[in-house]
Amino acid sequence: MIIFAFFFAHWFLSLFFQTFFQHRYASHRMFTMSKTWERVFYFMAFIFEGASFLNPRAYAMMHREHHAYSDTEKDPHSPHFFTDVFQMMKATIITFRDHLNRTKDVDGRFPGYYPEWPIIDRIGSSIASRLVFGALYTWFYIEFVPAGSEWLYLLLPIHYLMGPLHGAIVNWCGHKYGYSNFDNNDKSKNTTPFDFLMLGELFQNNHHRYPNSANFGHKWFEVDPVYPVMKVLHYLRIIKIRKAY
């Protein structure tokens, strides 16, 4: 069915660019690329994240705080300081907005080495842009939801909040449920040994141990679906994967 195809395409494309561009590139600089390719991926992140586009600078600042203060009271989204996932999401959105508006005092360790594109940042973070993307998603559903399947409209809110939902799943589950390969002095977990639904993001225990490694998997059975894509882009000389340190 076309609606399911659209939903899963949006889910995985939005998630791919969030993990590839905002997380692995903007936050950690796991790889380098030319300014031209940076702009290409920047624009694609804006298009495929759509209504929930995440400003790369604000994302990087908040994510670096998360690593520095993992599962302490200063962690912007540790699940161990909130009664439920909704309270954690609310606090995360507030922190992200403070970084976006540059109203939050930050440690001098965190700024720098992230991409910025002022015109896309302004457009992508604007209410108007989010409403336009939301309207396009809604139009698509009106156009293609077949009669008798109106329950499919229940998927629309997920489209509107795709980015925050991905973040909530990763931050809540990745620091509460699963197993640990390493003692990282925090509560990070590998939620599942097969992480295709979240494209490797739920290997949080591995990632907190080796935050600059492009491959989130560590054991032979832990497959990070994004890493082979990065290897292909590296082979094609679109990106250059940095050696982890």
C-alpha atoms as a PDB file:
ATOM      1  CA  MET A   1       0.000   0.000   0.000  1.00  0.00           C
ATOM      2  CA  ILE A   2       1.287   3.433  -0.959  1.00  0.00           C
ATOM      3  CA  ILE A   3       0.665   4.929   2.491  1.00  0.00           C
ATOM      4  CA  PHE A   4       2.844   2.317   4.191  1.00  0.00           C
ATOM      5  CA  ALA A   5       5.541   2.842   1.549  1.00  0.00           C
ATOM      6  CA  PHE A   6       5.430   6.588   2.207  1.00  0.00           C
ATOM      7  CA  PHE A   7       5.499   6.110   5.977  1.00  0.00           C
ATOM      8  CA  PHE A   8       8.498   3.787   6.010  1.00  0.00           C
ATOM      9  CA  ALA A   9      10.335   5.870   3.420  1.00  0.00           C
ATOM     10  CA  HIS A  10       9.890   8.955   5.598  1.00  0.00           C
ATOM     11  CA  TRP A  11      10.836   7.030   8.765  1.00  0.00           C
ATOM     12  CA  PHE A  12      14.098   5.636   7.414  1.00  0.00           C
ATOM     13  CA  LEU A  13      15.169   8.614   5.287  1.00  0.00           C
ATOM     14  CA  SER A  14      14.563  11.049   8.146  1.00  0.00           C
ATOM     15  CA  LEU A  15      16.383   8.741  10.552  1.00  0.00           C
ATOM     16  CA  PHE A  16      19.258   8.140   8.144  1.00  0.00           C
ATOM     17  CA  PHE A  17      20.011  11.826   7.749  1.00  0.00           C
ATOM     18  CA  GLN A  18      19.657  12.445  11.459  1.00  0.00           C
ATOM     19  CA  THR A  19      22.197   9.735  12.323  1.00  0.00           C
ATOM     20  CA  PHE A  20      24.463  10.370   9.328  1.00  0.00           C
ATOM     21  CA  PHE A  21      24.492  14.164   9.226  1.00  0.00           C
ATOM     22  CA  GLN A  22      23.455  15.623  12.589  1.00  0.00           C
ATOM     23  CA  HIS A  23      24.859  12.845  14.758  1.00  0.00           C
ATOM     24  CA  ARG A  24      27.880  11.267  13.094  1.00  0.00           C
ATOM     25  CA  TYR A  25      29.020  14.344  11.160  1.00  0.00           C
ATOM     26  CA  ALA A  26      27.890  17.489  12.992  1.00  0.00           C
ATOM     27  CA  SER A  27      28.258  16.157  16.535  1.00  0.00           C
ATOM     28  CA  HIS A  28      31.229  13.805  16.246  1.00  0.00           C
ATOM     29  CA  ARG A  29      32.982  14.569  12.941  1.00  0.00           C
ATOM     30  CA  MET A  30      33.414  10.860  12.314  1.00  0.00           C
ATOM     31  CA  PHE A  31      34.154  11.733   8.702  1.00  0.00           C
ATOM     32  CA  THR A  32      35.051  14.733   6.583  1.00  0.00           C
ATOM     33  CA  MET A  33      33.739  15.899   3.220  1.00  0.00           C
ATOM     34  CA  SER A  34      34.008  18.846   0.885  1.00  0.00           C
ATOM     35  CA  LYS A  35      31.920  21.970   1.409  1.00  0.00           C
ATOM     36  CA  THR A  36      29.907  21.098  -1.701  1.00  0.00           C
ATOM     37  CA  TRP A  37      28.962  17.654  -0.423  1.00  0.00           C
ATOM     38  CA  GLU A  38      28.283  19.117   3.009  1.00  0.00           C
ATOM     39  CA  ARG A  39      25.727  21.450   1.451  1.00  0.00           C
ATOM     40  CA  VAL A  40      24.186  18.571  -0.529  1.00  0.00           C
ATOM     41  CA  PHE A  41      23.658  16.470   2.602  1.00  0.00           C
ATOM     42  CA  TYR A  42      22.565  19.548   4.581  1.00  0.00           C
ATOM     43  CA  PHE A  43      19.805  20.224   2.043  1.00  0.00           C
ATOM     44  CA  MET A  44      18.785  16.567   1.899  1.00  0.00           C
ATOM     45  CA  ALA A  45      18.544  16.473   5.698  1.00  0.00           C
ATOM     46  CA  PHE A  46      16.238  19.495   5.530  1.00  0.00           C
ATOM     47  CA  ILE A  47      14.023  17.892   2.873  1.00  0.00           C
ATOM     48  CA  PHE A  48      13.756  14.403   4.364  1.00  0.00           C
ATOM     49  CA  GLU A  49      13.492  15.479   8.003  1.00  0.00           C
ATOM     50  CA  GLY A  50      10.920  18.014   6.884  1.00  0.00           C
ATOM     51  CA  ALA A  51       8.558  19.132   9.617  1.00  0.00           C
ATOM     52  CA  SER A  52      10.995  18.000  12.321  1.00  0.00           C
ATOM     53  CA  PHE A  53      14.252  19.319  10.811  1.00  0.00           C
ATOM     54  CA  LEU A  54      16.931  19.484  13.494  1.00  0.00           C
ATOM     55  CA  ASN A  55      19.344  22.402  13.394  1.00  0.00           C
ATOM     56  CA  PRO A  56      22.803  20.731  13.187  1.00  0.00           C
ATOM     57  CA  ARG A  57      24.537  23.239  15.474  1.00  0.00           C
ATOM     58  CA  ALA A  58      21.891  22.954  18.205  1.00  0.00           C
ATOM     59  CA  TYR A  59      21.844  19.181  17.800  1.00  0.00           C
ATOM     60  CA  ALA A  60      25.631  18.962  18.112  1.00  0.00           C
ATOM     61  CA  MET A  61      25.755  21.166  21.200  1.00  0.00           C
ATOM     62  CA  MET A  62      23.063  19.186  22.996  1.00  0.00           C
ATOM     63  CA  HIS A  63      24.529  15.848  21.968  1.00  0.00           C
ATOM     64  CA  ARG A  64      27.992  16.791  23.190  1.00  0.00           C
ATOM     65  CA  GLU A  65      26.442  17.714  26.534  1.00  0.00           C
ATOM     66  CA  HIS A  66      24.783  14.297  26.591  1.00  0.00           C
ATOM     67  CA  HIS A  67      28.129  12.533  26.197  1.00  0.00           C
ATOM     68  CA  ALA A  68      29.940  14.734  28.695  1.00  0.00           C
ATOM     69  CA  TYR A  69      27.242  14.370  31.372  1.00  0.00           C
ATOM     70  CA  SER A  70      25.803  10.975  30.452  1.00  0.00           C
ATOM     71  CA  ASP A  71      23.113   9.881  32.927  1.00  0.00           C
ATOM     72  CA  THR A  72      23.882  12.608  35.439  1.00  0.00           C
ATOM     73  CA  GLU A  73      21.624  15.501  36.400  1.00  0.00           C
ATOM     74  CA  LYS A  74      23.300  17.633  33.725  1.00  0.00           C
ATOM     75  CA  ASP A  75      22.431  15.161  30.955  1.00  0.00           C
ATOM     76  CA  PRO A  76      19.785  16.878  28.778  1.00  0.00           C
ATOM     77  CA  HIS A  77      17.889  13.636  28.224  1.00  0.00           C
ATOM     78  CA  SER A  78      18.755  10.841  30.610  1.00  0.00           C
ATOM     79  CA  PRO A  79      15.628   8.714  31.217  1.00  0.00           C
ATOM     80  CA  HIS A  80      16.686   8.199  34.837  1.00  0.00           C
ATOM     81  CA  PHE A  81      15.669  11.717  35.871  1.00  0.00           C
ATOM     82  CA  PHE A  82      12.156  11.770  34.373  1.00  0.00           C
ATOM     83  CA  THR A  83       8.981   9.994  35.384  1.00  0.00           C
ATOM     84  CA  ASP A  84       8.098   9.044  31.812  1.00  0.00           C
ATOM     85  CA  VAL A  85       9.262   9.430  28.223  1.00  0.00           C
ATOM     86  CA  PHE A  86       6.952  12.395  27.614  1.00  0.00           C
ATOM     87  CA  GLN A  87       8.564  14.438  30.385  1.00  0.00           C
ATOM     88  CA  MET A  88      11.972  13.582  28.942  1.00  0.00           C
ATOM     89  CA  MET A  89      10.849  14.668  25.465  1.00  0.00           C
ATOM     90  CA  LYS A  90       9.541  17.950  26.839  1.00  0.00           C
ATOM     91  CA  ALA A  91      12.813  18.702  28.626  1.00  0.00           C
ATOM     92  CA  THR A  92      14.817  17.734  25.523  1.00  0.00           C
ATOM     93  CA  ILE A  93      12.784  20.060  23.311  1.00  0.00           C
ATOM     94  CA  ILE A  94      13.297  22.941  25.754  1.00  0.00           C
ATOM     95  CA  THR A  95      17.064  22.347  25.873  1.00  0.00           C
ATOM     96  CA  PHE A  96      17.249  22.055  22.089  1.00  0.00           C
ATOM     97  CA  ARG A  97      15.291  25.308  21.689  1.00  0.00           C
ATOM     98  CA  ASP A  98      17.659  27.082  24.075  1.00  0.00           C
ATOM     99  CA  HIS A  99      20.614  25.970  21.966  1.00  0.00           C
ATOM    100  CA  LEU A 100      18.780  26.939  18.793  1.00  0.00           C
ATOM    101  CA  ASN A 101      18.111  30.440  20.113  1.00  0.00           C
ATOM    102  CA  ARG A 102      21.593  30.677  21.677  1.00  0.00           C
ATOM    103  CA  THR A 103      20.103  31.487  25.078  1.00  0.00           C
ATOM    104  CA  LYS A 104      21.813  28.680  26.989  1.00  0.00           C
ATOM    105  CA  ASP A 105      25.179  29.069  28.695  1.00  0.00           C
ATOM    106  CA  VAL A 106      27.422  26.237  27.527  1.00  0.00           C
ATOM    107  CA  ASP A 107      30.760  24.810  28.517  1.00  0.00           C
ATOM    108  CA  GLY A 108      33.602  26.051  26.334  1.00  0.00           C
ATOM    109  CA  ARG A 109      34.341  22.453  25.289  1.00  0.00           C
ATOM    110  CA  PHE A 110      31.197  22.107  23.203  1.00  0.00           C
ATOM    111  CA  PRO A 111      31.020  24.854  20.542  1.00  0.00           C
ATOM    112  CA  GLY A 112      32.698  24.559  17.159  1.00  0.00           C
ATOM    113  CA  TYR A 113      33.363  22.073  14.377  1.00  0.00           C
ATOM    114  CA  TYR A 114      29.754  21.779  13.244  1.00  0.00           C
ATOM    115  CA  PRO A 115      28.243  22.781   9.893  1.00  0.00           C
ATOM    116  CA  GLU A 116      26.087  25.876   9.572  1.00  0.00           C
ATOM    117  CA  TRP A 117      24.015  27.136   6.654  1.00  0.00           C
ATOM    118  CA  PRO A 118      22.132  30.198   7.897  1.00  0.00           C
ATOM    119  CA  ILE A 119      19.406  30.287   5.239  1.00  0.00           C
ATOM    120  CA  ILE A 120      18.518  26.595   5.653  1.00  0.00           C
ATOM    121  CA  ASP A 121      18.781  26.904   9.434  1.00  0.00           C
ATOM    122  CA  ARG A 122      16.321  29.806   9.437  1.00  0.00           C
ATOM    123  CA  ILE A 123      13.888  28.197   7.009  1.00  0.00           C
ATOM    124  CA  GLY A 124      14.096  24.679   8.441  1.00  0.00           C
ATOM    125  CA  SER A 125      13.554  25.847  12.019  1.00  0.00           C
ATOM    126  CA  SER A 126      10.694  28.212  11.180  1.00  0.00           C
ATOM    127  CA  ILE A 127       7.078  27.521  12.082  1.00  0.00           C
ATOM    128  CA  ALA A 128       6.096  28.261   8.474  1.00  0.00           C
ATOM    129  CA  SER A 129       8.367  25.536   7.115  1.00  0.00           C
ATOM    130  CA  ARG A 130       7.094  22.992   9.617  1.00  0.00           C
ATOM    131  CA  LEU A 131       3.495  23.849   8.747  1.00  0.00           C
ATOM    132  CA  VAL A 132       4.161  23.538   5.014  1.00  0.00           C
ATOM    133  CA  PHE A 133       5.724  20.107   5.416  1.00  0.00           C
ATOM    134  CA  GLY A 134       2.882  19.085   7.735  1.00  0.00           C
ATOM    135  CA  ALA A 135       0.363  20.221   5.126  1.00  0.00           C
ATOM    136  CA  LEU A 136       2.150  18.202   2.424  1.00  0.00           C
ATOM    137  CA  TYR A 137       2.054  15.056   4.558  1.00  0.00           C
ATOM    138  CA  THR A 138      -1.630  15.631   5.253  1.00  0.00           C
ATOM    139  CA  TRP A 139      -2.390  16.225   1.559  1.00  0.00           C
ATOM    140  CA  PHE A 140      -0.638  12.970   0.643  1.00  0.00           C
ATOM    141  CA  TYR A 141      -2.799  11.047   3.106  1.00  0.00           C
ATOM    142  CA  ILE A 142      -5.998  12.717   1.890  1.00  0.00           C
ATOM    143  CA  GLU A 143      -5.029  11.850  -1.666  1.00  0.00           C
ATOM    144  CA  PHE A 144      -4.029   8.226  -1.133  1.00  0.00           C
ATOM    145  CA  VAL A 145      -5.787   6.831   1.956  1.00  0.00           C
ATOM    146  CA  PRO A 146      -8.393   4.451   0.525  1.00  0.00           C
ATOM    147  CA  ALA A 147     -11.991   4.524   1.657  1.00  0.00           C
ATOM    148  CA  GLY A 148     -12.515   2.299   4.662  1.00  0.00           C
ATOM    149  CA  SER A 149      -8.926   2.715   5.860  1.00  0.00           C
ATOM    150  CA  GLU A 150      -9.323   6.032   7.654  1.00  0.00           C
ATOM    151  CA  TRP A 151      -7.446   4.593  10.648  1.00  0.00           C
ATOM    152  CA  LEU A 152      -4.273   5.254   8.642  1.00  0.00           C
ATOM    153  CA  TYR A 153      -4.641   8.934   9.533  1.00  0.00           C
ATOM    154  CA  LEU A 154      -3.406   7.923  12.995  1.00  0.00           C
ATOM    155  CA  LEU A 155       0.068   7.739  11.443  1.00  0.00           C
ATOM    156  CA  LEU A 156       0.074  11.441  10.554  1.00  0.00           C
ATOM    157  CA  PRO A 157       1.234  12.742  13.979  1.00  0.00           C
ATOM    158  CA  ILE A 158       4.305  10.527  13.646  1.00  0.00           C
ATOM    159  CA  HIS A 159       5.197  12.320  10.414  1.00  0.00           C
ATOM    160  CA  TYR A 160       4.851  15.692  12.136  1.00  0.00           C
ATOM    161  CA  LEU A 161       7.132  14.699  15.040  1.00  0.00           C
ATOM    162  CA  MET A 162       9.437  12.182  13.387  1.00  0.00           C
ATOM    163  CA  GLY A 163      12.735  13.638  14.664  1.00  0.00           C
ATOM    164  CA  PRO A 164      11.709  14.036  18.326  1.00  0.00           C
ATOM    165  CA  LEU A 165      10.186  10.543  18.285  1.00  0.00           C
ATOM    166  CA  HIS A 166      13.396   9.012  16.979  1.00  0.00           C
ATOM    167  CA  GLY A 167      15.317  10.845  19.677  1.00  0.00           C
ATOM    168  CA  ALA A 168      12.910   9.743  22.395  1.00  0.00           C
ATOM    169  CA  ILE A 169      13.172   6.071  21.415  1.00  0.00           C
ATOM    170  CA  VAL A 170      16.974   6.179  21.326  1.00  0.00           C
ATOM    171  CA  ASN A 171      17.465   8.176  24.531  1.00  0.00           C
ATOM    172  CA  TRP A 172      14.845   6.326  26.574  1.00  0.00           C
ATOM    173  CA  CYS A 173      15.461   2.751  25.442  1.00  0.00           C
ATOM    174  CA  GLY A 174      19.202   3.139  24.860  1.00  0.00           C
ATOM    175  CA  HIS A 175      19.798   4.108  28.481  1.00  0.00           C
ATOM    176  CA  LYS A 176      17.294   1.773  30.167  1.00  0.00           C
ATOM    177  CA  TYR A 177      16.868  -1.524  28.343  1.00  0.00           C
ATOM    178  CA  GLY A 178      19.256  -4.125  26.972  1.00  0.00           C
ATOM    179  CA  TYR A 179      22.769  -5.361  27.611  1.00  0.00           C
ATOM    180  CA  SER A 180      26.202  -3.790  28.050  1.00  0.00           C
ATOM    181  CA  ASN A 181      29.480  -4.697  26.423  1.00  0.00           C
ATOM    182  CA  PHE A 182      31.381  -2.074  28.410  1.00  0.00           C
ATOM    183  CA  ASP A 183      31.338  -0.336  31.773  1.00  0.00           C
ATOM    184  CA  ASN A 184      31.098   3.319  30.719  1.00  0.00           C
ATOM    185  CA  ASN A 185      30.270   4.696  34.172  1.00  0.00           C
ATOM    186  CA  ASP A 186      26.776   5.440  32.945  1.00  0.00           C
ATOM    187  CA  LYS A 187      23.612   3.482  32.185  1.00  0.00           C
ATOM    188  CA  SER A 188      23.993   3.231  28.402  1.00  0.00           C
ATOM    189  CA  LYS A 189      22.719  -0.024  26.885  1.00  0.00           C
ATOM    190  CA  ASN A 190      22.650  -1.859  23.601  1.00  0.00           C
ATOM    191  CA  THR A 191      18.902  -2.281  23.441  1.00  0.00           C
ATOM    192  CA  THR A 192      18.957  -5.066  20.890  1.00  0.00           C
ATOM    193  CA  PRO A 193      21.667  -7.040  19.055  1.00  0.00           C
ATOM    194  CA  PHE A 194      19.903  -6.333  15.745  1.00  0.00           C
ATOM    195  CA  ASP A 195      19.134  -2.666  15.305  1.00  0.00           C
ATOM    196  CA  PHE A 196      17.611  -2.109  11.885  1.00  0.00           C
ATOM    197  CA  LEU A 197      14.556  -0.171  13.041  1.00  0.00           C
ATOM    198  CA  MET A 198      16.725   2.654  14.457  1.00  0.00           C
ATOM    199  CA  LEU A 199      19.669   2.243  12.026  1.00  0.00           C
ATOM    200  CA  GLY A 200      22.227   1.392  14.680  1.00  0.00           C
ATOM    201  CA  GLU A 201      21.364   4.212  17.080  1.00  0.00           C
ATOM    202  CA  LEU A 202      20.321   1.787  19.801  1.00  0.00           C
ATOM    203  CA  PHE A 203      23.889   0.523  20.218  1.00  0.00           C
ATOM    204  CA  GLN A 204      24.264   3.230  22.830  1.00  0.00           C
ATOM    205  CA  ASN A 205      26.644   1.303  25.093  1.00  0.00           C
ATOM    206  CA  ASN A 206      29.062   0.755  22.209  1.00  0.00           C
ATOM    207  CA  HIS A 207      28.728   4.350  21.068  1.00  0.00           C
ATOM    208  CA  HIS A 208      29.433   5.800  24.495  1.00  0.00           C
ATOM    209  CA  ARG A 209      32.528   3.612  24.749  1.00  0.00           C
ATOM    210  CA  TYR A 210      33.814   4.643  21.313  1.00  0.00           C
ATOM    211  CA  PRO A 211      32.044   7.955  20.555  1.00  0.00           C
ATOM    212  CA  ASN A 212      34.189   8.713  17.493  1.00  0.00           C
ATOM    213  CA  SER A 213      33.840   5.311  15.837  1.00  0.00           C
ATOM    214  CA  ALA A 214      31.788   5.383  12.640  1.00  0.00           C
ATOM    215  CA  ASN A 215      30.647   1.803  13.263  1.00  0.00           C
ATOM    216  CA  PHE A 216      28.190   1.572  16.167  1.00  0.00           C
ATOM    217  CA  GLY A 217      28.344  -2.227  16.152  1.00  0.00           C
ATOM    218  CA  HIS A 218      31.128  -3.945  18.081  1.00  0.00           C
ATOM    219  CA  LYS A 219      30.484  -7.690  18.317  1.00  0.00           C
ATOM    220  CA  TRP A 220      30.108  -9.822  15.212  1.00  0.00           C
ATOM    221  CA  PHE A 221      26.330  -9.995  15.503  1.00  0.00           C
ATOM    222  CA  GLU A 222      25.840  -6.248  16.056  1.00  0.00           C
ATOM    223  CA  VAL A 223      25.093  -4.813  12.634  1.00  0.00           C
ATOM    224  CA  ASP A 224      25.043  -1.049  12.169  1.00  0.00           C
ATOM    225  CA  PRO A 225      23.140  -0.599   8.863  1.00  0.00           C
ATOM    226  CA  VAL A 226      24.523   2.909   8.275  1.00  0.00           C
ATOM    227  CA  TYR A 227      28.183   1.920   8.454  1.00  0.00           C
ATOM    228  CA  PRO A 228      28.250   0.004   5.124  1.00  0.00           C
ATOM    229  CA  VAL A 229      26.628   3.026   3.462  1.00  0.00           C
ATOM    230  CA  MET A 230      29.377   5.210   4.898  1.00  0.00           C
ATOM    231  CA  LYS A 231      32.010   2.758   3.632  1.00  0.00           C
ATOM    232  CA  VAL A 232      30.563   3.019   0.115  1.00  0.00           C
ATOM    233  CA  LEU A 233      30.569   6.823   0.309  1.00  0.00           C
ATOM    234  CA  HIS A 234      34.151   6.635   1.558  1.00  0.00           C
ATOM    235  CA  TYR A 235      35.117   4.360  -1.346  1.00  0.00           C
ATOM    236  CA  LEU A 236      33.496   6.800  -3.782  1.00  0.00           C
ATOM    237  CA  ARG A 237      35.494   9.612  -2.128  1.00  0.00           C
ATOM    238  CA  ILE A 238      32.344  11.517  -1.198  1.00  0.00           C
ATOM    239  CA  ILE A 239      33.313  11.334   2.463  1.00  0.00           C
ATOM    240  CA  LYS A 240      36.516  10.358   4.254  1.00  0.00           C
ATOM    241  CA  ILE A 241      35.987   8.297   7.402  1.00  0.00           C
ATOM    242  CA  ARG A 242      38.325   9.362  10.163  1.00  0.00           C
ATOM    243  CA  LYS A 243      40.214   6.832  12.220  1.00  0.00           C
ATOM    244  CA  ALA A 244      38.637   6.549  15.670  1.00  0.00           C
ATOM    245  CA  TYR A 245      40.729   7.751  18.575  1.00  0.00           C
END
